[in-house]
Amino acid sequence: MGRVTRKWWWTGAAVVAVAVAAGLVWFKPWALWVDETVHEALPSASAPAAPPTATEAPSSPQTTPAAGPVTLAEGTFISHEHATSGTAKIVRLSDGTPVLRLEGLDTSSGPDLRVWLSDAPVKEGKDGWRVFDDGKHVSLGKLKGNKGDQNYPLPADVDWEAYPSVSIWCDRFDVSFGAAGLVRT
């Protein structure tokens, strides 16, 4: 092998090595085989104020405690880019705080997965893979784990009824792993 040929060979090998390293960092293929399981309990509302003592005069009539958590809407996940199952629920806690709860979630892990509320309809198959960023959507944050039960508080200024679907959204590749349509209960 000539001197020039060796130089080109080493340059080519270096370019390929950099491209492979960049591809691994970008795609994170190992994430598809690493599961993160989360088991969060449904959050409890803040504790009510203590009742007045016998020496204190009550400032208002005694009220009954608020009811426990109430499911306002619910939907079952369907698969898009990756097999996804489980249930999404909008739950109102006893203090009135709305929370998105994912129960029994089972999807693939992946790079930069987010939980989105969206105004897009949930569609089966490839037609539904990329619709969730076409209109309005609200990111509730990174997916805590690709398996299990988890909670996402809804921002106070978000009317969840304007966003009737939930997507496990891969922000890196702009594709839905799976989605659930929310139906009022």
N, C-alpha and C. Protein backbone atom coordinates (compact mmCIF):
# COMPACT_ATOMS: atom_id res chain seq x y z
N MET A 1 0.86 -1.17 0.00
CA MET A 1 0.00 0.00 0.00
C MET A 1 0.90 1.23 0.00
N GLY A 2 0.56 2.18 -0.85
CA GLY A 2 1.35 3.39 -0.92
C GLY A 2 1.05 4.34 0.23
N ARG A 3 1.91 5.30 0.38
CA ARG A 3 1.78 6.27 1.46
C ARG A 3 0.48 7.07 1.35
N VAL A 4 0.13 7.48 0.17
CA VAL A 4 -1.09 8.26 -0.05
C VAL A 4 -2.33 7.39 0.21
N THR A 5 -2.28 6.15 -0.23
CA THR A 5 -3.40 5.24 -0.02
C THR A 5 -3.64 5.01 1.47
N ARG A 6 -2.55 4.82 2.23
CA ARG A 6 -2.70 4.63 3.67
C ARG A 6 -3.31 5.86 4.34
N LYS A 7 -2.87 7.02 3.91
CA LYS A 7 -3.39 8.26 4.47
C LYS A 7 -4.90 8.36 4.23
N TRP A 8 -5.35 8.05 3.03
CA TRP A 8 -6.78 8.10 2.70
C TRP A 8 -7.54 7.02 3.48
N TRP A 9 -6.93 5.87 3.63
CA TRP A 9 -7.59 4.80 4.37
C TRP A 9 -7.80 5.22 5.82
N TRP A 10 -6.78 5.78 6.48
CA TRP A 10 -6.90 6.22 7.86
C TRP A 10 -7.88 7.39 7.99
N THR A 11 -7.89 8.28 7.05
CA THR A 11 -8.84 9.40 7.05
C THR A 11 -10.27 8.87 6.93
N GLY A 12 -10.46 7.94 6.01
CA GLY A 12 -11.79 7.32 5.85
C GLY A 12 -12.23 6.58 7.10
N ALA A 13 -11.30 5.85 7.72
CA ALA A 13 -11.63 5.12 8.94
C ALA A 13 -12.00 6.08 10.07
N ALA A 14 -11.30 7.20 10.17
CA ALA A 14 -11.61 8.20 11.20
C ALA A 14 -12.98 8.81 10.97
N VAL A 15 -13.30 9.12 9.72
CA VAL A 15 -14.62 9.68 9.39
C VAL A 15 -15.73 8.69 9.74
N VAL A 16 -15.55 7.43 9.40
CA VAL A 16 -16.55 6.39 9.72
C VAL A 16 -16.70 6.25 11.23
N ALA A 17 -15.58 6.27 11.97
CA ALA A 17 -15.65 6.14 13.43
C ALA A 17 -16.42 7.31 14.05
N VAL A 18 -16.17 8.51 13.57
CA VAL A 18 -16.89 9.69 14.09
C VAL A 18 -18.37 9.58 13.74
N ALA A 19 -18.69 9.15 12.53
CA ALA A 19 -20.09 9.01 12.12
C ALA A 19 -20.82 7.95 12.96
N VAL A 20 -20.17 6.84 13.22
CA VAL A 20 -20.77 5.79 14.06
C VAL A 20 -20.99 6.30 15.48
N ALA A 21 -19.99 6.99 16.04
CA ALA A 21 -20.13 7.53 17.40
C ALA A 21 -21.27 8.54 17.46
N ALA A 22 -21.35 9.43 16.47
CA ALA A 22 -22.43 10.43 16.44
C ALA A 22 -23.79 9.73 16.29
N GLY A 23 -23.86 8.71 15.47
CA GLY A 23 -25.11 7.96 15.30
C GLY A 23 -25.55 7.28 16.59
N LEU A 24 -24.60 6.72 17.31
CA LEU A 24 -24.94 6.07 18.58
C LEU A 24 -25.45 7.09 19.59
N VAL A 25 -24.81 8.24 19.65
CA VAL A 25 -25.26 9.28 20.59
C VAL A 25 -26.65 9.76 20.19
N TRP A 26 -26.90 9.95 18.91
CA TRP A 26 -28.18 10.47 18.43
C TRP A 26 -29.31 9.45 18.60
N PHE A 27 -29.11 8.22 18.16
CA PHE A 27 -30.18 7.22 18.15
C PHE A 27 -30.34 6.50 19.48
N LYS A 28 -29.28 6.38 20.26
CA LYS A 28 -29.29 5.65 21.54
C LYS A 28 -29.99 4.29 21.40
N PRO A 29 -29.48 3.42 20.55
CA PRO A 29 -30.18 2.14 20.32
C PRO A 29 -30.30 1.28 21.57
N TRP A 30 -29.38 1.42 22.53
CA TRP A 30 -29.44 0.64 23.76
C TRP A 30 -30.68 0.98 24.59
N ALA A 31 -31.25 2.17 24.38
CA ALA A 31 -32.43 2.57 25.14
C ALA A 31 -33.63 1.67 24.84
N LEU A 32 -33.64 1.04 23.68
CA LEU A 32 -34.75 0.15 23.34
C LEU A 32 -34.75 -1.11 24.20
N TRP A 33 -33.65 -1.44 24.84
CA TRP A 33 -33.57 -2.66 25.64
C TRP A 33 -33.45 -2.39 27.13
N VAL A 34 -33.49 -1.14 27.53
CA VAL A 34 -33.36 -0.78 28.93
C VAL A 34 -34.72 -0.26 29.41
N ASP A 35 -35.36 -0.99 30.30
CA ASP A 35 -36.66 -0.60 30.82
C ASP A 35 -36.50 0.21 32.11
N GLU A 36 -37.36 1.20 32.27
CA GLU A 36 -37.43 1.98 33.49
C GLU A 36 -38.85 1.83 34.02
N THR A 37 -39.02 1.13 35.14
CA THR A 37 -40.33 0.89 35.72
C THR A 37 -40.58 1.86 36.86
N VAL A 38 -41.76 2.49 36.84
CA VAL A 38 -42.14 3.47 37.86
C VAL A 38 -43.43 2.99 38.52
N HIS A 39 -43.50 3.05 39.85
CA HIS A 39 -44.71 2.69 40.59
C HIS A 39 -45.08 3.84 41.51
N GLU A 40 -45.69 4.88 40.96
CA GLU A 40 -46.13 6.01 41.76
C GLU A 40 -47.57 5.79 42.21
N ALA A 41 -47.82 6.08 43.46
CA ALA A 41 -49.20 6.06 43.96
C ALA A 41 -49.88 7.35 43.49
N LEU A 42 -51.19 7.31 43.44
CA LEU A 42 -51.95 8.51 43.11
C LEU A 42 -51.66 9.54 44.20
N PRO A 43 -51.26 10.77 43.83
CA PRO A 43 -50.93 11.73 44.88
C PRO A 43 -52.15 12.08 45.71
N SER A 44 -51.90 12.35 46.99
CA SER A 44 -53.01 12.78 47.84
C SER A 44 -53.02 14.29 47.86
N ALA A 45 -54.18 14.84 48.04
CA ALA A 45 -54.32 16.30 48.11
C ALA A 45 -53.72 16.79 49.42
N SER A 46 -53.48 18.07 49.49
CA SER A 46 -52.93 18.61 50.74
C SER A 46 -53.91 18.37 51.88
N ALA A 47 -53.36 18.18 53.07
CA ALA A 47 -54.19 17.87 54.23
C ALA A 47 -55.09 19.05 54.58
N PRO A 48 -56.34 18.79 54.96
CA PRO A 48 -57.22 19.89 55.35
C PRO A 48 -56.74 20.52 56.66
N ALA A 49 -57.14 21.74 56.87
CA ALA A 49 -56.76 22.43 58.10
C ALA A 49 -57.34 21.69 59.29
N ALA A 50 -56.63 21.74 60.41
CA ALA A 50 -57.09 21.07 61.63
C ALA A 50 -58.35 21.76 62.15
N PRO A 51 -59.32 21.00 62.68
CA PRO A 51 -60.52 21.62 63.22
C PRO A 51 -60.16 22.46 64.45
N PRO A 52 -60.96 23.49 64.75
CA PRO A 52 -60.64 24.34 65.91
C PRO A 52 -60.71 23.53 67.20
N THR A 53 -59.90 23.92 68.16
CA THR A 53 -59.92 23.27 69.47
C THR A 53 -61.13 23.76 70.25
N ALA A 54 -61.38 23.15 71.39
CA ALA A 54 -62.56 23.50 72.20
C ALA A 54 -62.51 24.94 72.68
N THR A 55 -61.30 25.50 72.84
CA THR A 55 -61.20 26.87 73.32
C THR A 55 -61.29 27.90 72.20
N GLU A 56 -61.16 27.43 70.94
CA GLU A 56 -61.26 28.36 69.82
C GLU A 56 -62.67 28.34 69.27
N ALA A 57 -63.13 29.49 68.89
CA ALA A 57 -64.45 29.56 68.26
C ALA A 57 -64.28 29.25 66.77
N PRO A 58 -65.15 28.42 66.23
CA PRO A 58 -65.04 28.13 64.81
C PRO A 58 -65.32 29.40 64.00
N SER A 59 -64.51 29.62 62.95
CA SER A 59 -64.69 30.81 62.12
C SER A 59 -65.77 30.60 61.08
N SER A 60 -66.08 29.36 60.77
CA SER A 60 -67.14 29.07 59.80
C SER A 60 -67.78 27.75 60.18
N PRO A 61 -68.95 27.47 59.66
CA PRO A 61 -69.59 26.20 59.98
C PRO A 61 -68.71 25.03 59.56
N GLN A 62 -68.80 23.94 60.30
CA GLN A 62 -68.04 22.73 59.99
C GLN A 62 -68.48 22.19 58.63
N THR A 63 -67.52 21.89 57.76
CA THR A 63 -67.84 21.33 56.45
C THR A 63 -67.38 19.89 56.40
N THR A 64 -67.98 19.14 55.52
CA THR A 64 -67.57 17.75 55.36
C THR A 64 -66.32 17.71 54.50
N PRO A 65 -65.45 16.75 54.72
CA PRO A 65 -64.23 16.67 53.92
C PRO A 65 -64.57 16.43 52.45
N ALA A 66 -63.69 16.88 51.58
CA ALA A 66 -63.89 16.69 50.14
C ALA A 66 -63.83 15.20 49.81
N ALA A 67 -64.53 14.83 48.74
CA ALA A 67 -64.52 13.44 48.30
C ALA A 67 -63.12 13.07 47.82
N GLY A 68 -62.85 11.79 47.78
CA GLY A 68 -61.55 11.31 47.31
C GLY A 68 -61.36 11.60 45.83
N PRO A 69 -60.30 11.09 45.24
CA PRO A 69 -60.02 11.33 43.83
C PRO A 69 -61.17 10.85 42.94
N VAL A 70 -61.43 11.63 41.88
CA VAL A 70 -62.51 11.31 40.93
C VAL A 70 -61.92 11.25 39.53
N THR A 71 -62.20 10.17 38.81
CA THR A 71 -61.75 10.06 37.42
C THR A 71 -62.70 10.86 36.54
N LEU A 72 -62.15 11.85 35.81
CA LEU A 72 -62.96 12.72 34.95
C LEU A 72 -62.99 12.23 33.51
N ALA A 73 -61.91 11.62 33.06
CA ALA A 73 -61.81 11.11 31.68
C ALA A 73 -60.83 9.96 31.67
N GLU A 74 -60.97 9.11 30.67
CA GLU A 74 -60.13 7.90 30.62
C GLU A 74 -60.01 7.44 29.19
N GLY A 75 -58.90 6.79 28.88
CA GLY A 75 -58.70 6.20 27.56
C GLY A 75 -57.66 5.10 27.61
N THR A 76 -57.68 4.23 26.62
CA THR A 76 -56.76 3.11 26.53
C THR A 76 -55.74 3.39 25.43
N PHE A 77 -54.47 3.16 25.72
CA PHE A 77 -53.43 3.40 24.74
C PHE A 77 -53.52 2.43 23.58
N ILE A 78 -53.24 2.96 22.39
CA ILE A 78 -53.05 2.13 21.19
C ILE A 78 -51.60 2.30 20.76
N SER A 79 -51.10 1.36 20.00
CA SER A 79 -49.71 1.39 19.55
C SER A 79 -49.56 2.24 18.29
N HIS A 80 -48.46 2.95 18.22
CA HIS A 80 -48.07 3.66 17.00
C HIS A 80 -46.71 3.13 16.58
N GLU A 81 -45.67 3.93 16.71
CA GLU A 81 -44.33 3.51 16.28
C GLU A 81 -43.84 2.28 17.05
N HIS A 82 -44.22 2.17 18.33
CA HIS A 82 -43.81 1.04 19.16
C HIS A 82 -45.04 0.48 19.88
N ALA A 83 -45.01 -0.81 20.19
CA ALA A 83 -46.11 -1.43 20.92
C ALA A 83 -46.30 -0.71 22.26
N THR A 84 -47.52 -0.24 22.51
CA THR A 84 -47.83 0.53 23.70
C THR A 84 -49.18 0.10 24.24
N SER A 85 -49.27 -0.09 25.56
CA SER A 85 -50.55 -0.44 26.18
C SER A 85 -50.62 0.25 27.54
N GLY A 86 -51.81 0.26 28.11
CA GLY A 86 -52.04 0.88 29.40
C GLY A 86 -53.23 1.83 29.33
N THR A 87 -53.44 2.57 30.39
CA THR A 87 -54.57 3.47 30.50
C THR A 87 -54.09 4.87 30.88
N ALA A 88 -54.74 5.87 30.29
CA ALA A 88 -54.50 7.27 30.67
C ALA A 88 -55.78 7.79 31.31
N LYS A 89 -55.64 8.52 32.42
CA LYS A 89 -56.79 9.06 33.13
C LYS A 89 -56.52 10.50 33.53
N ILE A 90 -57.56 11.32 33.47
CA ILE A 90 -57.51 12.63 34.11
C ILE A 90 -58.24 12.44 35.44
N VAL A 91 -57.54 12.68 36.53
CA VAL A 91 -58.08 12.47 37.87
C VAL A 91 -58.10 13.81 38.60
N ARG A 92 -59.23 14.12 39.21
CA ARG A 92 -59.32 15.31 40.06
C ARG A 92 -59.12 14.86 41.50
N LEU A 93 -58.09 15.40 42.14
CA LEU A 93 -57.83 15.07 43.54
C LEU A 93 -58.86 15.75 44.42
N SER A 94 -58.92 15.37 45.67
CA SER A 94 -59.93 15.91 46.57
C SER A 94 -59.83 17.42 46.75
N ASP A 95 -58.66 18.01 46.50
CA ASP A 95 -58.53 19.47 46.59
C ASP A 95 -58.82 20.16 45.26
N GLY A 96 -59.24 19.39 44.25
CA GLY A 96 -59.59 19.97 42.95
C GLY A 96 -58.46 19.97 41.94
N THR A 97 -57.26 19.57 42.34
CA THR A 97 -56.10 19.56 41.45
C THR A 97 -56.25 18.45 40.39
N PRO A 98 -56.15 18.79 39.10
CA PRO A 98 -56.21 17.76 38.07
C PRO A 98 -54.83 17.14 37.81
N VAL A 99 -54.80 15.84 37.59
CA VAL A 99 -53.57 15.10 37.36
C VAL A 99 -53.81 14.12 36.21
N LEU A 100 -52.83 14.01 35.31
CA LEU A 100 -52.86 12.94 34.32
C LEU A 100 -52.19 11.74 34.96
N ARG A 101 -52.89 10.62 34.98
CA ARG A 101 -52.36 9.39 35.56
C ARG A 101 -52.24 8.35 34.46
N LEU A 102 -51.06 7.76 34.34
CA LEU A 102 -50.84 6.64 33.43
C LEU A 102 -50.77 5.39 34.28
N GLU A 103 -51.61 4.41 33.96
CA GLU A 103 -51.65 3.16 34.73
C GLU A 103 -51.35 1.99 33.83
N GLY A 104 -50.49 1.11 34.32
CA GLY A 104 -50.15 -0.10 33.57
C GLY A 104 -49.48 0.21 32.24
N LEU A 105 -48.79 1.35 32.14
CA LEU A 105 -48.12 1.72 30.90
C LEU A 105 -47.06 0.68 30.56
N ASP A 106 -47.01 0.31 29.31
CA ASP A 106 -45.99 -0.61 28.81
C ASP A 106 -45.67 -0.20 27.38
N THR A 107 -44.52 0.41 27.19
CA THR A 107 -44.07 0.82 25.87
C THR A 107 -42.57 0.61 25.79
N SER A 108 -42.00 0.84 24.64
CA SER A 108 -40.56 0.75 24.50
C SER A 108 -39.92 1.98 25.12
N SER A 109 -38.70 1.82 25.54
CA SER A 109 -37.94 2.98 25.97
C SER A 109 -37.39 3.62 24.71
N GLY A 110 -36.98 4.84 24.80
CA GLY A 110 -36.44 5.52 23.63
C GLY A 110 -35.84 6.85 24.02
N PRO A 111 -35.22 7.50 23.06
CA PRO A 111 -34.60 8.78 23.37
C PRO A 111 -35.62 9.91 23.45
N ASP A 112 -35.52 10.72 24.45
CA ASP A 112 -36.29 11.96 24.59
C ASP A 112 -37.80 11.75 24.51
N LEU A 113 -38.32 10.79 25.30
CA LEU A 113 -39.76 10.54 25.33
C LEU A 113 -40.44 11.55 26.24
N ARG A 114 -41.56 12.07 25.79
CA ARG A 114 -42.35 13.08 26.50
C ARG A 114 -43.78 12.60 26.65
N VAL A 115 -44.50 13.21 27.58
CA VAL A 115 -45.93 12.97 27.74
C VAL A 115 -46.62 14.24 27.25
N TRP A 116 -47.46 14.10 26.23
CA TRP A 116 -48.13 15.24 25.64
C TRP A 116 -49.63 15.11 25.76
N LEU A 117 -50.29 16.22 26.07
CA LEU A 117 -51.72 16.37 25.83
C LEU A 117 -51.82 17.05 24.47
N SER A 118 -52.77 16.62 23.64
CA SER A 118 -52.87 17.17 22.29
C SER A 118 -54.33 17.33 21.89
N ASP A 119 -54.56 18.24 20.95
CA ASP A 119 -55.91 18.40 20.41
C ASP A 119 -56.13 17.51 19.19
N ALA A 120 -55.11 16.75 18.80
CA ALA A 120 -55.23 15.86 17.63
C ALA A 120 -56.02 14.61 17.98
N PRO A 121 -56.78 14.10 17.01
CA PRO A 121 -57.49 12.85 17.26
C PRO A 121 -56.53 11.66 17.25
N VAL A 122 -56.85 10.65 18.01
CA VAL A 122 -56.05 9.43 18.02
C VAL A 122 -56.45 8.59 16.82
N LYS A 123 -55.47 8.26 15.98
CA LYS A 123 -55.71 7.46 14.78
C LYS A 123 -54.91 6.18 14.87
N GLU A 124 -55.48 5.11 14.38
CA GLU A 124 -54.79 3.81 14.33
C GLU A 124 -53.71 3.83 13.26
N GLY A 125 -52.70 3.00 13.44
CA GLY A 125 -51.69 2.77 12.41
C GLY A 125 -50.79 3.96 12.14
N LYS A 126 -50.11 3.89 10.99
CA LYS A 126 -49.15 4.94 10.62
C LYS A 126 -49.78 6.30 10.45
N ASP A 127 -51.07 6.36 10.17
CA ASP A 127 -51.75 7.65 10.03
C ASP A 127 -51.71 8.44 11.33
N GLY A 128 -51.56 7.78 12.46
CA GLY A 128 -51.56 8.45 13.75
C GLY A 128 -50.19 8.75 14.31
N TRP A 129 -49.13 8.33 13.64
CA TRP A 129 -47.79 8.44 14.19
C TRP A 129 -47.32 9.87 14.38
N ARG A 130 -47.70 10.76 13.48
CA ARG A 130 -47.09 12.09 13.47
C ARG A 130 -48.09 13.24 13.62
N VAL A 131 -49.32 12.98 14.02
CA VAL A 131 -50.36 14.03 14.05
C VAL A 131 -50.33 14.91 15.29
N PHE A 132 -49.68 14.49 16.34
CA PHE A 132 -49.84 15.17 17.63
C PHE A 132 -49.15 16.52 17.72
N ASP A 133 -48.21 16.80 16.84
CA ASP A 133 -47.59 18.12 16.84
C ASP A 133 -48.13 19.02 15.73
N ASP A 134 -49.20 18.57 15.04
CA ASP A 134 -49.79 19.36 13.96
C ASP A 134 -50.62 20.53 14.49
N GLY A 135 -51.23 20.36 15.63
CA GLY A 135 -52.07 21.41 16.20
C GLY A 135 -51.52 21.85 17.54
N LYS A 136 -52.44 22.06 18.48
CA LYS A 136 -52.04 22.48 19.83
C LYS A 136 -51.65 21.26 20.66
N HIS A 137 -50.63 21.43 21.46
CA HIS A 137 -50.23 20.38 22.40
C HIS A 137 -49.54 21.01 23.60
N VAL A 138 -49.56 20.28 24.71
CA VAL A 138 -48.91 20.71 25.94
C VAL A 138 -48.03 19.57 26.40
N SER A 139 -46.75 19.87 26.59
CA SER A 139 -45.84 18.85 27.12
C SER A 139 -45.93 18.86 28.64
N LEU A 140 -46.17 17.70 29.21
CA LEU A 140 -46.23 17.56 30.67
C LEU A 140 -44.89 17.13 31.24
N GLY A 141 -43.90 16.99 30.37
CA GLY A 141 -42.55 16.66 30.83
C GLY A 141 -42.07 15.34 30.26
N LYS A 142 -40.86 14.98 30.68
CA LYS A 142 -40.26 13.72 30.25
C LYS A 142 -41.05 12.54 30.81
N LEU A 143 -41.14 11.47 30.03
CA LEU A 143 -41.74 10.23 30.51
C LEU A 143 -40.86 9.70 31.64
N LYS A 144 -41.46 9.44 32.79
CA LYS A 144 -40.69 9.00 33.97
C LYS A 144 -40.17 7.59 33.82
N GLY A 145 -40.92 6.75 33.13
CA GLY A 145 -40.52 5.37 32.91
C GLY A 145 -41.38 4.78 31.82
N ASN A 146 -40.85 3.82 31.10
CA ASN A 146 -41.63 3.23 30.01
C ASN A 146 -42.57 2.12 30.48
N LYS A 147 -42.53 1.82 31.76
CA LYS A 147 -43.43 0.82 32.33
C LYS A 147 -43.95 1.30 33.68
N GLY A 148 -45.19 0.91 34.00
CA GLY A 148 -45.71 1.17 35.34
C GLY A 148 -46.75 2.26 35.42
N ASP A 149 -46.89 2.81 36.63
CA ASP A 149 -47.91 3.81 36.96
C ASP A 149 -47.20 5.12 37.31
N GLN A 150 -47.70 6.22 36.75
CA GLN A 150 -47.06 7.51 36.99
C GLN A 150 -48.05 8.66 36.87
N ASN A 151 -47.70 9.78 37.49
CA ASN A 151 -48.59 10.94 37.56
C ASN A 151 -47.91 12.17 36.99
N TYR A 152 -48.70 12.99 36.32
CA TYR A 152 -48.22 14.25 35.74
C TYR A 152 -49.22 15.34 36.09
N PRO A 153 -48.83 16.26 36.99
CA PRO A 153 -49.75 17.36 37.34
C PRO A 153 -50.04 18.21 36.10
N LEU A 154 -51.27 18.65 35.97
CA LEU A 154 -51.63 19.50 34.84
C LEU A 154 -51.41 20.96 35.23
N PRO A 155 -50.81 21.75 34.36
CA PRO A 155 -50.63 23.18 34.67
C PRO A 155 -51.98 23.84 34.95
N ALA A 156 -51.99 24.77 35.88
CA ALA A 156 -53.23 25.43 36.30
C ALA A 156 -53.92 26.16 35.15
N ASP A 157 -53.15 26.65 34.19
CA ASP A 157 -53.74 27.42 33.09
C ASP A 157 -54.16 26.56 31.90
N VAL A 158 -54.09 25.23 32.03
CA VAL A 158 -54.45 24.34 30.93
C VAL A 158 -55.83 23.74 31.16
N ASP A 159 -56.72 23.95 30.18
CA ASP A 159 -58.03 23.31 30.20
C ASP A 159 -57.88 21.95 29.50
N TRP A 160 -57.80 20.89 30.28
CA TRP A 160 -57.53 19.57 29.71
C TRP A 160 -58.59 19.15 28.70
N GLU A 161 -59.80 19.67 28.80
CA GLU A 161 -60.85 19.27 27.87
C GLU A 161 -60.57 19.77 26.45
N ALA A 162 -59.69 20.75 26.30
CA ALA A 162 -59.29 21.24 24.98
C ALA A 162 -58.25 20.32 24.34
N TYR A 163 -57.76 19.35 25.11
CA TYR A 163 -56.73 18.41 24.64
C TYR A 163 -57.21 16.98 24.88
N PRO A 164 -58.02 16.44 23.98
CA PRO A 164 -58.67 15.15 24.24
C PRO A 164 -57.82 13.91 23.98
N SER A 165 -56.50 14.08 23.82
CA SER A 165 -55.67 12.90 23.62
C SER A 165 -54.34 13.04 24.35
N VAL A 166 -53.75 11.89 24.64
CA VAL A 166 -52.45 11.80 25.31
C VAL A 166 -51.55 11.01 24.38
N SER A 167 -50.32 11.49 24.21
CA SER A 167 -49.35 10.77 23.39
C SER A 167 -48.06 10.58 24.17
N ILE A 168 -47.46 9.40 24.01
CA ILE A 168 -46.09 9.19 24.44
C ILE A 168 -45.28 9.58 23.21
N TRP A 169 -44.70 10.77 23.26
CA TRP A 169 -44.12 11.41 22.08
C TRP A 169 -42.59 11.35 22.13
N CYS A 170 -42.00 10.90 21.05
CA CYS A 170 -40.54 10.90 20.92
C CYS A 170 -40.15 12.22 20.26
N ASP A 171 -39.65 13.14 21.08
CA ASP A 171 -39.29 14.46 20.60
C ASP A 171 -38.09 14.41 19.66
N ARG A 172 -37.25 13.44 19.83
CA ARG A 172 -36.06 13.32 18.98
C ARG A 172 -36.44 13.04 17.53
N PHE A 173 -37.45 12.17 17.32
CA PHE A 173 -37.80 11.77 15.96
C PHE A 173 -39.20 12.21 15.55
N ASP A 174 -39.85 13.04 16.37
CA ASP A 174 -41.18 13.58 16.06
C ASP A 174 -42.17 12.48 15.66
N VAL A 175 -42.32 11.52 16.58
CA VAL A 175 -43.23 10.41 16.32
C VAL A 175 -43.86 9.94 17.63
N SER A 176 -45.10 9.50 17.54
CA SER A 176 -45.81 8.97 18.70
C SER A 176 -45.49 7.49 18.87
N PHE A 177 -45.09 7.11 20.09
CA PHE A 177 -44.91 5.69 20.39
C PHE A 177 -46.28 5.03 20.59
N GLY A 178 -47.21 5.77 21.19
CA GLY A 178 -48.56 5.29 21.43
C GLY A 178 -49.41 6.44 21.93
N ALA A 179 -50.73 6.30 21.84
CA ALA A 179 -51.62 7.39 22.24
C ALA A 179 -52.93 6.83 22.78
N ALA A 180 -53.61 7.68 23.55
CA ALA A 180 -54.92 7.33 24.12
C ALA A 180 -55.85 8.52 23.96
N GLY A 181 -57.07 8.25 23.48
CA GLY A 181 -58.10 9.27 23.42
C GLY A 181 -58.79 9.33 24.78
N LEU A 182 -59.00 10.53 25.29
CA LEU A 182 -59.64 10.70 26.59
C LEU A 182 -61.14 10.90 26.42
N VAL A 183 -61.92 10.06 27.09
CA VAL A 183 -63.37 10.14 27.03
C VAL A 183 -63.88 10.47 28.43
N ARG A 184 -64.72 11.50 28.52
CA ARG A 184 -65.28 11.86 29.83
C ARG A 184 -66.02 10.69 30.44
N THR A 185 -65.86 10.50 31.76
CA THR A 185 -66.54 9.40 32.43
C THR A 185 -67.77 9.91 33.15
